[in-house]
PDB file of N, CA and C in Angstrom:
ATOM      1  N   MET A   1     155.955-102.934 211.024  1.00  0.00           N
ATOM      2  CA  MET A   1     154.765-102.162 210.334  1.00  0.00           C
ATOM      3  C   MET A   1     153.974-102.925 209.442  1.00  0.00           C
ATOM      4  N   ASP A   2     152.651-102.863 209.762  1.00  0.00           N
ATOM      5  CA  ASP A   2     151.993-103.802 208.678  1.00  0.00           C
ATOM      6  C   ASP A   2     150.454-102.927 208.191  1.00  0.00           C
ATOM      7  N   THR A   3     150.084-103.226 207.127  1.00  0.00           N
ATOM      8  CA  THR A   3     149.060-102.267 206.645  1.00  0.00           C
ATOM      9  C   THR A   3     147.979-102.450 207.626  1.00  0.00           C
ATOM     10  N   LYS A   4     147.670-103.241 208.444  1.00  0.00           N
ATOM     11  CA  LYS A   4     146.348-103.254 209.533  1.00  0.00           C
ATOM     12  C   LYS A   4     146.939-102.279 210.709  1.00  0.00           C
ATOM     13  N   GLU A   5     148.037-102.265 210.937  1.00  0.00           N
ATOM     14  CA  GLU A   5     148.477-101.268 211.928  1.00  0.00           C
ATOM     15  C   GLU A   5     148.288 -99.994 211.483  1.00  0.00           C
ATOM     16  N   ILE A   6     148.602 -99.596 210.048  1.00  0.00           N
ATOM     17  CA  ILE A   6     148.600 -98.339 209.838  1.00  0.00           C
ATOM     18  C   ILE A   6     147.067 -97.626 209.307  1.00  0.00           C
ATOM     19  N   GLU A   7     146.201 -98.641 208.844  1.00  0.00           N
ATOM     20  CA  GLU A   7     145.052 -98.265 208.694  1.00  0.00           C
ATOM     21  C   GLU A   7     144.238 -98.475 209.992  1.00  0.00           C
ATOM     22  N   ASN A   8     144.667 -98.674 211.287  1.00  0.00           N
ATOM     23  CA  ASN A   8     144.043 -98.514 212.728  1.00  0.00           C
ATOM     24  C   ASN A   8     144.327 -97.441 213.197  1.00  0.00           C
ATOM     25  N   LEU A   9     145.332 -96.518 212.691  1.00  0.00           N
ATOM     26  CA  LEU A   9     146.021 -95.313 213.157  1.00  0.00           C
ATOM     27  C   LEU A   9     144.604 -94.351 213.031  1.00  0.00           C
ATOM     28  N   PRO A  10     144.538 -93.233 214.245  1.00  0.00           N
ATOM     29  CA  PRO A  10     143.522 -92.198 213.716  1.00  0.00           C
ATOM     30  C   PRO A  10     143.823 -91.549 212.596  1.00  0.00           C
ATOM     31  N   ASP A  11     142.664 -90.935 212.108  1.00  0.00           N
ATOM     32  CA  ASP A  11     142.890 -90.158 210.859  1.00  0.00           C
ATOM     33  C   ASP A  11     143.520 -88.999 210.790  1.00  0.00           C
ATOM     34  N   ARG A  12     143.639 -88.214 211.813  1.00  0.00           N
ATOM     35  CA  ARG A  12     144.657 -87.325 212.182  1.00  0.00           C
ATOM     36  C   ARG A  12     145.511 -87.369 213.126  1.00  0.00           C
ATOM     37  N   LEU A  13     147.127 -87.279 212.990  1.00  0.00           N
ATOM     38  CA  LEU A  13     148.077 -87.486 213.676  1.00  0.00           C
ATOM     39  C   LEU A  13     149.045 -86.522 213.520  1.00  0.00           C
ATOM     40  N   PRO A  14     149.576 -86.306 214.645  1.00  0.00           N
ATOM     41  CA  PRO A  14     150.695 -85.055 214.844  1.00  0.00           C
ATOM     42  C   PRO A  14     151.843 -85.175 213.617  1.00  0.00           C
ATOM     43  N   ALA A  15     152.308 -84.231 213.078  1.00  0.00           N
ATOM     44  CA  ALA A  15     153.255 -84.110 211.927  1.00  0.00           C
ATOM     45  C   ALA A  15     154.451 -85.113 212.300  1.00  0.00           C
ATOM     46  N   GLY A  16     154.886 -84.665 213.591  1.00  0.00           N
ATOM     47  CA  GLY A  16     156.252 -85.768 213.974  1.00  0.00           C
ATOM     48  C   GLY A  16     156.134 -87.019 213.918  1.00  0.00           C
ATOM     49  N   ILE A  17     154.844 -87.610 214.589  1.00  0.00           N
ATOM     50  CA  ILE A  17     154.666 -89.016 214.421  1.00  0.00           C
ATOM     51  C   ILE A  17     154.769 -89.473 212.984  1.00  0.00           C
ATOM     52  N   LEU A  18     153.836 -88.957 212.143  1.00  0.00           N
ATOM     53  CA  LEU A  18     153.870 -89.191 210.822  1.00  0.00           C
ATOM     54  C   LEU A  18     155.188 -89.171 210.081  1.00  0.00           C
ATOM     55  N   LEU A  19     155.978 -88.162 210.581  1.00  0.00           N
ATOM     56  CA  LEU A  19     157.394 -87.960 209.789  1.00  0.00           C
ATOM     57  C   LEU A  19     158.085 -89.583 210.111  1.00  0.00           C
ATOM     58  N   ALA A  20     157.869 -89.773 211.558  1.00  0.00           N
ATOM     59  CA  ALA A  20     158.564 -91.257 212.116  1.00  0.00           C
ATOM     60  C   ALA A  20     157.950 -92.352 211.527  1.00  0.00           C
ATOM     61  N   LEU A  21     156.657 -92.099 211.085  1.00  0.00           N
ATOM     62  CA  LEU A  21     156.113 -93.351 210.476  1.00  0.00           C
ATOM     63  C   LEU A  21     156.721 -93.604 208.821  1.00  0.00           C
ATOM     64  N   PHE A  22     156.751 -92.696 208.077  1.00  0.00           N
ATOM     65  CA  PHE A  22     157.322 -92.564 206.915  1.00  0.00           C
ATOM     66  C   PHE A  22     158.735 -92.852 206.767  1.00  0.00           C
ATOM     67  N   GLN A  23     159.501 -92.478 207.698  1.00  0.00           N
ATOM     68  CA  GLN A  23     161.080 -92.860 207.820  1.00  0.00           C
ATOM     69  C   GLN A  23     160.577 -94.555 208.138  1.00  0.00           C
ATOM     70  N   ASP A  24     160.264 -94.887 209.018  1.00  0.00           N
ATOM     71  CA  ASP A  24     160.371 -96.034 209.452  1.00  0.00           C
ATOM     72  C   ASP A  24     159.953 -97.255 208.068  1.00  0.00           C
ATOM     73  N   ALA A  25     158.519 -96.961 207.405  1.00  0.00           N
ATOM     74  CA  ALA A  25     158.448 -97.394 206.193  1.00  0.00           C
ATOM     75  C   ALA A  25     159.513 -97.223 205.134  1.00  0.00           C
ATOM     76  N   LEU A  26     160.113 -96.216 204.664  1.00  0.00           N
ATOM     77  CA  LEU A  26     161.198 -95.976 204.109  1.00  0.00           C
ATOM     78  C   LEU A  26     162.299 -96.951 204.427  1.00  0.00           C
ATOM     79  N   ASP A  27     162.816 -97.347 205.665  1.00  0.00           N
ATOM     80  CA  ASP A  27     163.985 -97.981 206.267  1.00  0.00           C
ATOM     81  C   ASP A  27     163.335 -99.669 206.085  1.00  0.00           C
ATOM     82  N   GLN A  28     162.425 -99.908 206.448  1.00  0.00           N
ATOM     83  CA  GLN A  28     161.723-101.256 206.326  1.00  0.00           C
ATOM     84  C   GLN A  28     161.706-101.930 204.738  1.00  0.00           C
ATOM     85  N   PHE A  29     161.409-100.986 203.828  1.00  0.00           N
ATOM     86  CA  PHE A  29     161.440-101.366 202.410  1.00  0.00           C
ATOM     87  C   PHE A  29     162.616-101.114 201.869  1.00  0.00           C
ATOM     88  N   ARG A  30     163.769-100.566 202.307  1.00  0.00           N
ATOM     89  CA  ARG A  30     165.278-100.866 201.920  1.00  0.00           C
ATOM     90  C   ARG A  30     165.558-101.917 202.584  1.00  0.00           C
ATOM     91  N   LYS A  31     165.511-102.324 203.833  1.00  0.00           N
ATOM     92  CA  LYS A  31     165.820-103.360 204.341  1.00  0.00           C
ATOM     93  C   LYS A  31     165.060-104.803 204.012  1.00  0.00           C
ATOM     94  N   GLU A  32     164.061-104.507 202.841  1.00  0.00           N
ATOM     95  CA  GLU A  32     163.361-105.762 202.372  1.00  0.00           C
ATOM     96  C   GLU A  32     162.608-106.296 203.257  1.00  0.00           C
ATOM     97  N   GLU A  33     162.086-105.701 204.493  1.00  0.00           N
ATOM     98  CA  GLU A  33     161.571-105.992 205.616  1.00  0.00           C
ATOM     99  C   GLU A  33     159.989-106.167 205.339  1.00  0.00           C
ATOM    100  N   ILE A  34     159.408-105.411 204.042  1.00  0.00           N
ATOM    101  CA  ILE A  34     158.359-105.178 203.708  1.00  0.00           C
ATOM    102  C   ILE A  34     158.094-105.409 202.234  1.00  0.00           C
ATOM    103  N   GLU A  35     157.322-105.991 201.619  1.00  0.00           N
ATOM    104  CA  GLU A  35     157.415-105.840 200.292  1.00  0.00           C
ATOM    105  C   GLU A  35     156.671-104.721 199.502  1.00  0.00           C
ATOM    106  N   ARG A  36     157.007-104.451 198.270  1.00  0.00           N
ATOM    107  CA  ARG A  36     156.497-103.188 197.618  1.00  0.00           C
ATOM    108  C   ARG A  36     155.167-103.004 197.479  1.00  0.00           C
ATOM    109  N   GLU A  37     154.328-103.914 197.576  1.00  0.00           N
ATOM    110  CA  GLU A  37     152.991-103.548 197.332  1.00  0.00           C
ATOM    111  C   GLU A  37     152.649-102.824 198.613  1.00  0.00           C
ATOM    112  N   VAL A  38     152.734-103.508 199.995  1.00  0.00           N
ATOM    113  CA  VAL A  38     152.641-103.302 201.384  1.00  0.00           C
ATOM    114  C   VAL A  38     153.228-101.905 201.542  1.00  0.00           C
ATOM    115  N   PHE A  39     154.441-101.589 201.118  1.00  0.00           N
ATOM    116  CA  PHE A  39     155.004-100.330 201.281  1.00  0.00           C
ATOM    117  C   PHE A  39     154.457 -99.289 200.522  1.00  0.00           C
ATOM    118  N   LEU A  40     153.639 -99.669 199.461  1.00  0.00           N
ATOM    119  CA  LEU A  40     153.027 -98.567 198.501  1.00  0.00           C
ATOM    120  C   LEU A  40     151.647 -98.020 199.469  1.00  0.00           C
ATOM    121  N   ILE A  41     150.936 -99.448 200.060  1.00  0.00           N
ATOM    122  CA  ILE A  41     149.604 -99.126 200.628  1.00  0.00           C
ATOM    123  C   ILE A  41     150.141 -98.359 201.939  1.00  0.00           C
ATOM    124  N   ILE A  42     151.207 -98.483 202.604  1.00  0.00           N
ATOM    125  CA  ILE A  42     151.381 -97.986 203.942  1.00  0.00           C
ATOM    126  C   ILE A  42     151.592 -96.444 203.611  1.00  0.00           C
ATOM    127  N   LEU A  43     152.153 -96.156 202.286  1.00  0.00           N
ATOM    128  CA  LEU A  43     152.603 -94.817 202.007  1.00  0.00           C
ATOM    129  C   LEU A  43     151.434 -93.938 201.685  1.00  0.00           C
ATOM    130  N   GLY A  44     150.515 -94.812 201.175  1.00  0.00           N
ATOM    131  CA  GLY A  44     149.206 -94.275 200.514  1.00  0.00           C
ATOM    132  C   GLY A  44     148.366 -93.713 202.016  1.00  0.00           C
ATOM    133  N   GLN A  45     148.469 -94.504 202.897  1.00  0.00           N
ATOM    134  CA  GLN A  45     147.751 -94.395 204.033  1.00  0.00           C
ATOM    135  C   GLN A  45     148.281 -93.113 205.022  1.00  0.00           C
ATOM    136  N   LEU A  46     149.677 -93.257 205.142  1.00  0.00           N
ATOM    137  CA  LEU A  46     150.549 -92.049 205.783  1.00  0.00           C
ATOM    138  C   LEU A  46     150.308 -90.820 204.989  1.00  0.00           C
ATOM    139  N   THR A  47     150.200 -90.650 203.508  1.00  0.00           N
ATOM    140  CA  THR A  47     149.914 -89.586 202.994  1.00  0.00           C
ATOM    141  C   THR A  47     148.343 -89.211 203.137  1.00  0.00           C
ATOM    142  N   ASP A  48     147.606 -89.846 203.384  1.00  0.00           N
ATOM    143  CA  ASP A  48     146.238 -89.444 203.786  1.00  0.00           C
ATOM    144  C   ASP A  48     145.892 -88.561 204.642  1.00  0.00           C
ATOM    145  N   ARG A  49     146.928 -89.185 205.720  1.00  0.00           N
ATOM    146  CA  ARG A  49     147.011 -88.489 207.343  1.00  0.00           C
ATOM    147  C   ARG A  49     147.738 -87.599 207.066  1.00  0.00           C
ATOM    148  N   GLN A  50     148.761 -87.220 206.570  1.00  0.00           N
ATOM    149  CA  GLN A  50     149.507 -86.225 206.167  1.00  0.00           C
ATOM    150  C   GLN A  50     148.972 -84.830 205.684  1.00  0.00           C
ATOM    151  N   VAL A  51     148.188 -85.175 204.679  1.00  0.00           N
ATOM    152  CA  VAL A  51     147.398 -84.070 204.154  1.00  0.00           C
ATOM    153  C   VAL A  51     146.471 -83.242 205.146  1.00  0.00           C
ATOM    154  N   MET A  52     146.109 -84.323 206.184  1.00  0.00           N
ATOM    155  CA  MET A  52     144.985 -83.821 207.373  1.00  0.00           C
ATOM    156  C   MET A  52     146.049 -82.836 208.089  1.00  0.00           C
ATOM    157  N   THR A  53     147.038 -82.853 208.102  1.00  0.00           N
ATOM    158  CA  THR A  53     148.013 -81.825 208.858  1.00  0.00           C
ATOM    159  C   THR A  53     148.234 -80.773 208.547  1.00  0.00           C
ATOM    160  N   TYR A  54     147.776 -80.438 207.398  1.00  0.00           N
ATOM    161  CA  TYR A  54     147.919 -78.904 206.647  1.00  0.00           C
ATOM    162  C   TYR A  54     149.454 -78.650 206.886  1.00  0.00           C
ATOM    163  N   GLU A  55     150.460 -79.553 206.682  1.00  0.00           N
ATOM    164  CA  GLU A  55     151.630 -79.012 206.545  1.00  0.00           C
ATOM    165  C   GLU A  55     152.455 -79.806 205.740  1.00  0.00           C
ATOM    166  N   LEU A  56     153.677 -79.489 204.770  1.00  0.00           N
ATOM    167  CA  LEU A  56     154.534 -80.389 204.240  1.00  0.00           C
ATOM    168  C   LEU A  56     155.457 -81.173 204.931  1.00  0.00           C
ATOM    169  N   VAL A  57     155.606 -82.310 204.136  1.00  0.00           N
ATOM    170  CA  VAL A  57     156.541 -83.250 204.800  1.00  0.00           C
ATOM    171  C   VAL A  57     158.059 -82.475 204.697  1.00  0.00           C
ATOM    172  N   ARG A  58     158.464 -83.042 205.852  1.00  0.00           N
ATOM    173  CA  ARG A  58     159.982 -82.168 205.773  1.00  0.00           C
ATOM    174  C   ARG A  58     160.878 -82.784 204.673  1.00  0.00           C
ATOM    175  N   SER A  59     161.256 -81.812 203.918  1.00  0.00           N
ATOM    176  CA  SER A  59     162.186 -81.764 202.769  1.00  0.00           C
ATOM    177  C   SER A  59     162.836 -83.186 202.476  1.00  0.00           C
ATOM    178  N   ASP A  60     163.489 -83.499 203.552  1.00  0.00           N
ATOM    179  CA  ASP A  60     164.668 -84.435 203.232  1.00  0.00           C
ATOM    180  C   ASP A  60     163.567 -85.954 203.169  1.00  0.00           C
ATOM    181  N   ILE A  61     162.918 -86.048 203.988  1.00  0.00           N
ATOM    182  CA  ILE A  61     161.789 -87.176 203.918  1.00  0.00           C
ATOM    183  C   ILE A  61     161.305 -87.161 202.915  1.00  0.00           C
ATOM    184  N   ARG A  62     160.567 -86.019 202.202  1.00  0.00           N
ATOM    185  CA  ARG A  62     159.847 -85.947 201.015  1.00  0.00           C
ATOM    186  C   ARG A  62     160.726 -86.219 199.592  1.00  0.00           C
ATOM    187  N   ASN A  63     161.867 -85.912 199.733  1.00  0.00           N
ATOM    188  CA  ASN A  63     162.739 -86.042 198.646  1.00  0.00           C
ATOM    189  C   ASN A  63     163.209 -87.533 198.705  1.00  0.00           C
ATOM    190  N   ASP A  64     163.398 -88.387 199.832  1.00  0.00           N
ATOM    191  CA  ASP A  64     163.831 -89.673 200.048  1.00  0.00           C
ATOM    192  C   ASP A  64     162.346 -90.408 199.321  1.00  0.00           C
ATOM    193  N   ILE A  65     161.121 -90.049 199.814  1.00  0.00           N
ATOM    194  CA  ILE A  65     160.184 -90.638 199.620  1.00  0.00           C
ATOM    195  C   ILE A  65     159.853 -90.516 197.631  1.00  0.00           C
ATOM    196  N   ASP A  66     160.053 -89.263 197.196  1.00  0.00           N
ATOM    197  CA  ASP A  66     160.402 -89.045 195.990  1.00  0.00           C
ATOM    198  C   ASP A  66     161.333 -89.621 195.116  1.00  0.00           C
ATOM    199  N   ARG A  67     162.419 -90.114 195.603  1.00  0.00           N
ATOM    200  CA  ARG A  67     163.349 -90.761 194.758  1.00  0.00           C
ATOM    201  C   ARG A  67     162.656 -92.292 194.884  1.00  0.00           C
ATOM    202  N   THR A  68     162.409 -92.760 195.709  1.00  0.00           N
ATOM    203  CA  THR A  68     162.082 -94.226 196.155  1.00  0.00           C
ATOM    204  C   THR A  68     161.109 -94.413 195.044  1.00  0.00           C
ATOM    205  N   LEU A  69     160.186 -93.752 195.162  1.00  0.00           N
ATOM    206  CA  LEU A  69     158.872 -94.000 194.152  1.00  0.00           C
ATOM    207  C   LEU A  69     159.198 -93.756 192.682  1.00  0.00           C
ATOM    208  N   SER A  70     160.071 -92.844 192.678  1.00  0.00           N
ATOM    209  CA  SER A  70     160.388 -92.784 191.061  1.00  0.00           C
ATOM    210  C   SER A  70     161.006 -94.176 190.507  1.00  0.00           C
ATOM    211  N   GLY A  71     161.763 -94.828 191.588  1.00  0.00           N
ATOM    212  CA  GLY A  71     162.160 -95.852 191.183  1.00  0.00           C
ATOM    213  C   GLY A  71     161.117 -96.907 190.807  1.00  0.00           C
ATOM    214  N   LEU A  72     160.191 -96.753 191.494  1.00  0.00           N
ATOM    215  CA  LEU A  72     159.003 -97.937 191.570  1.00  0.00           C
ATOM    216  C   LEU A  72     157.938 -97.983 190.293  1.00  0.00           C
ATOM    217  N   TRP A  73     157.928 -96.793 190.114  1.00  0.00           N
ATOM    218  CA  TRP A  73     157.242 -96.397 188.818  1.00  0.00           C
ATOM    219  C   TRP A  73     157.175 -97.173 187.687  1.00  0.00           C
ATOM    220  N   ASN A  74     155.693 -97.901 187.747  1.00  0.00           N
ATOM    221  CA  ASN A  74     155.484 -99.012 186.912  1.00  0.00           C
ATOM    222  C   ASN A  74     154.343 -98.795 185.760  1.00  0.00           C
ATOM    223  N   THR A  75     154.016 -98.745 184.675  1.00  0.00           N
ATOM    224  CA  THR A  75     152.526 -98.476 184.273  1.00  0.00           C
ATOM    225  C   THR A  75     151.942 -99.882 183.874  1.00  0.00           C
ATOM    226  N   GLY A  76     152.473-100.874 184.685  1.00  0.00           N
ATOM    227  CA  GLY A  76     151.952-101.998 184.406  1.00  0.00           C
ATOM    228  C   GLY A  76     150.856-102.777 185.156  1.00  0.00           C
ATOM    229  N   SER A  77     150.952-101.711 186.331  1.00  0.00           N
ATOM    230  CA  SER A  77     149.943-102.379 187.255  1.00  0.00           C
ATOM    231  C   SER A  77     148.702-100.958 187.578  1.00  0.00           C
ATOM    232  N   TYR A  78     147.514-101.199 187.122  1.00  0.00           N
ATOM    233  CA  TYR A  78     146.969-100.086 187.269  1.00  0.00           C
ATOM    234  C   TYR A  78     146.535 -99.628 189.108  1.00  0.00           C
ATOM    235  N   ASP A  79     146.573-100.605 189.920  1.00  0.00           N
ATOM    236  CA  ASP A  79     146.528-100.033 191.184  1.00  0.00           C
ATOM    237  C   ASP A  79     147.594 -99.356 192.063  1.00  0.00           C
ATOM    238  N   GLU A  80     148.718 -99.953 191.379  1.00  0.00           N
ATOM    239  CA  GLU A  80     150.204 -99.120 191.773  1.00  0.00           C
ATOM    240  C   GLU A  80     150.335 -97.834 191.146  1.00  0.00           C
ATOM    241  N   VAL A  81     149.738 -97.612 189.787  1.00  0.00           N
ATOM    242  CA  VAL A  81     149.743 -96.353 189.036  1.00  0.00           C
ATOM    243  C   VAL A  81     148.582 -95.334 189.968  1.00  0.00           C
ATOM    244  N   ASP A  82     147.528 -95.794 190.329  1.00  0.00           N
ATOM    245  CA  ASP A  82     146.862 -94.763 190.886  1.00  0.00           C
ATOM    246  C   ASP A  82     147.340 -94.376 192.623  1.00  0.00           C
ATOM    247  N   LEU A  83     147.852 -95.521 193.254  1.00  0.00           N
ATOM    248  CA  LEU A  83     148.481 -95.454 194.533  1.00  0.00           C
ATOM    249  C   LEU A  83     149.174 -94.253 194.513  1.00  0.00           C
ATOM    250  N   ILE A  84     150.244 -94.535 193.469  1.00  0.00           N
ATOM    251  CA  ILE A  84     151.758 -93.729 193.338  1.00  0.00           C
ATOM    252  C   ILE A  84     150.889 -92.344 192.797  1.00  0.00           C
ATOM    253  N   LEU A  85     150.396 -92.131 191.912  1.00  0.00           N
ATOM    254  CA  LEU A  85     149.925 -90.851 191.596  1.00  0.00           C
ATOM    255  C   LEU A  85     149.186 -89.753 192.646  1.00  0.00           C
ATOM    256  N   SER A  86     148.325 -90.782 193.538  1.00  0.00           N
ATOM    257  CA  SER A  86     147.891 -90.090 194.663  1.00  0.00           C
ATOM    258  C   SER A  86     149.114 -89.472 195.521  1.00  0.00           C
ATOM    259  N   ILE A  87     149.839 -90.227 195.798  1.00  0.00           N
ATOM    260  CA  ILE A  87     151.201 -90.215 196.801  1.00  0.00           C
ATOM    261  C   ILE A  87     151.818 -88.735 196.116  1.00  0.00           C
ATOM    262  N   VAL A  88     151.886 -88.936 194.595  1.00  0.00           N
ATOM    263  CA  VAL A  88     152.807 -88.000 194.144  1.00  0.00           C
ATOM    264  C   VAL A  88     152.384 -86.290 194.488  1.00  0.00           C
ATOM    265  N   VAL A  89     150.527 -86.479 193.866  1.00  0.00           N
ATOM    266  CA  VAL A  89     149.932 -85.188 194.031  1.00  0.00           C
ATOM    267  C   VAL A  89     149.994 -84.441 195.298  1.00  0.00           C
ATOM    268  N   ASN A  90     149.741 -85.542 196.358  1.00  0.00           N
ATOM    269  CA  ASN A  90     149.597 -85.112 197.603  1.00  0.00           C
ATOM    270  C   ASN A  90     150.783 -84.683 198.683  1.00  0.00           C
ATOM    271  N   LEU A  91     152.004 -85.327 198.255  1.00  0.00           N
ATOM    272  CA  LEU A  91     152.966 -84.775 198.729  1.00  0.00           C
ATOM    273  C   LEU A  91     153.686 -83.800 197.918  1.00  0.00           C
ATOM    274  N   GLY A  92     153.162 -83.722 196.564  1.00  0.00           N
ATOM    275  CA  GLY A  92     154.173 -82.645 195.887  1.00  0.00           C
ATOM    276  C   GLY A  92     155.482 -83.347 195.406  1.00  0.00           C
ATOM    277  N   LEU A  93     155.483 -84.469 194.888  1.00  0.00           N
ATOM    278  CA  LEU A  93     156.741 -85.091 194.688  1.00  0.00           C
ATOM    279  C   LEU A  93     157.374 -84.769 193.145  1.00  0.00           C
ATOM    280  N   GLU A  94     158.316 -84.117 192.684  1.00  0.00           N
ATOM    281  CA  GLU A  94     158.609 -83.344 191.776  1.00  0.00           C
ATOM    282  C   GLU A  94     159.543 -84.519 190.524  1.00  0.00           C
ATOM    283  N   ILE A  95     160.301 -85.454 191.305  1.00  0.00           N
ATOM    284  CA  ILE A  95     161.123 -86.478 190.550  1.00  0.00           C
ATOM    285  C   ILE A  95     160.121 -87.128 190.153  1.00  0.00           C
ATOM    286  N   CYS A  96     159.451 -87.585 191.049  1.00  0.00           N
ATOM    287  CA  CYS A  96     158.384 -88.689 190.404  1.00  0.00           C
ATOM    288  C   CYS A  96     157.378 -88.293 189.410  1.00  0.00           C
ATOM    289  N   PHE A  97     157.032 -87.051 189.552  1.00  0.00           N
ATOM    290  CA  PHE A  97     156.096 -86.543 188.601  1.00  0.00           C
ATOM    291  C   PHE A  97     156.892 -86.304 187.248  1.00  0.00           C
ATOM    292  N   GLU A  98     158.059 -86.066 187.013  1.00  0.00           N
ATOM    293  CA  GLU A  98     158.702 -85.740 186.045  1.00  0.00           C
ATOM    294  C   GLU A  98     158.920 -87.168 185.408  1.00  0.00           C
ATOM    295  N   LYS A  99     159.278 -88.260 186.431  1.00  0.00           N
ATOM    296  CA  LYS A  99     159.443 -89.661 185.551  1.00  0.00           C
ATOM    297  C   LYS A  99     158.020 -90.249 185.161  1.00  0.00           C
ATOM    298  N   ILE A 100     156.834 -89.688 185.549  1.00  0.00           N
ATOM    299  CA  ILE A 100     155.510 -89.771 185.175  1.00  0.00           C
ATOM    300  C   ILE A 100     155.415 -89.219 183.722  1.00  0.00           C
ATOM    301  N   LYS A 101     155.425 -88.010 183.764  1.00  0.00           N
ATOM    302  CA  LYS A 101     155.496 -87.182 182.335  1.00  0.00           C
ATOM    303  C   LYS A 101     156.355 -87.681 181.328  1.00  0.00           C
ATOM    304  N   GLU A 102     157.649 -88.202 181.567  1.00  0.00           N
ATOM    305  CA  GLU A 102     158.462 -88.830 180.506  1.00  0.00           C
ATOM    306  C   GLU A 102     157.781 -90.279 180.114  1.00  0.00           C
ATOM    307  N   SER A 103     157.102 -91.101 180.950  1.00  0.00           N
ATOM    308  CA  SER A 103     156.664 -92.386 180.708  1.00  0.00           C
ATOM    309  C   SER A 103     155.323 -92.512 179.711  1.00  0.00           C
ATOM    310  N   LEU A 104     154.934 -91.222 180.065  1.00  0.00           N
ATOM    311  CA  LEU A 104     153.301 -90.889 179.226  1.00  0.00           C
ATOM    312  C   LEU A 104     153.912 -90.624 177.754  1.00  0.00           C
ATOM    313  N   ASP A 105     155.145 -89.829 177.739  1.00  0.00           N
ATOM    314  CA  ASP A 105     155.786 -89.424 176.336  1.00  0.00           C
ATOM    315  C   ASP A 105     156.167 -90.461 175.693  1.00  0.00           C
ATOM    316  N   GLN A 106     156.750 -91.736 176.399  1.00  0.00           N
ATOM    317  CA  GLN A 106     157.241 -92.666 175.632  1.00  0.00           C
ATOM    318  C   GLN A 106     156.305 -93.615 175.348  1.00  0.00           C
ATOM    319  N   ASN A 107     155.260 -93.739 176.150  1.00  0.00           N
ATOM    320  CA  ASN A 107     154.113 -94.739 175.918  1.00  0.00           C
ATOM    321  C   ASN A 107     152.727 -94.347 175.699  1.00  0.00           C
ATOM    322  N   LYS A 108     152.810 -93.912 174.468  1.00  0.00           N
ATOM    323  CA  LYS A 108     151.361 -93.136 174.259  1.00  0.00           C
ATOM    324  C   LYS A 108     150.476 -94.100 174.192  1.00  0.00           C
ATOM    325  N   ASP A 109     150.364 -95.537 173.773  1.00  0.00           N
ATOM    326  CA  ASP A 109     149.224 -96.199 174.201  1.00  0.00           C
ATOM    327  C   ASP A 109     148.696 -96.959 175.374  1.00  0.00           C
ATOM    328  N   ILE A 110     149.378 -96.289 176.669  1.00  0.00           N
ATOM    329  CA  ILE A 110     148.795 -96.729 177.957  1.00  0.00           C
ATOM    330  C   ILE A 110     147.492 -96.458 178.410  1.00  0.00           C
ATOM    331  N   ASP A 111     146.938 -97.719 178.587  1.00  0.00           N
ATOM    332  CA  ASP A 111     145.132 -97.600 179.061  1.00  0.00           C
ATOM    333  C   ASP A 111     145.034 -96.501 179.761  1.00  0.00           C
TER     334      ASP A 111
END
């Protein structure tokens, strides 16, 4: 899976297909088959399509995404922060949201 493949998907996909794509992205990232930047772009693209289903992502996949993204949180990259915040808000990721709040409390001088 690469960013071109994901970008070329239709704007609307059935929730089941999106679920499989989310799982595939998580698996590829864990196996180091895709880099962090590509993983985040893919998650962002899939999240945009998930929003269009008007359904929640299945809780086990959402929790897996939540734990994975909370481990990737890094305030050193504006692009990553922007993308992760979008994913967190649109998928309702609680663990990552708490990590973000904690980092803001610790780093008062973030640009």
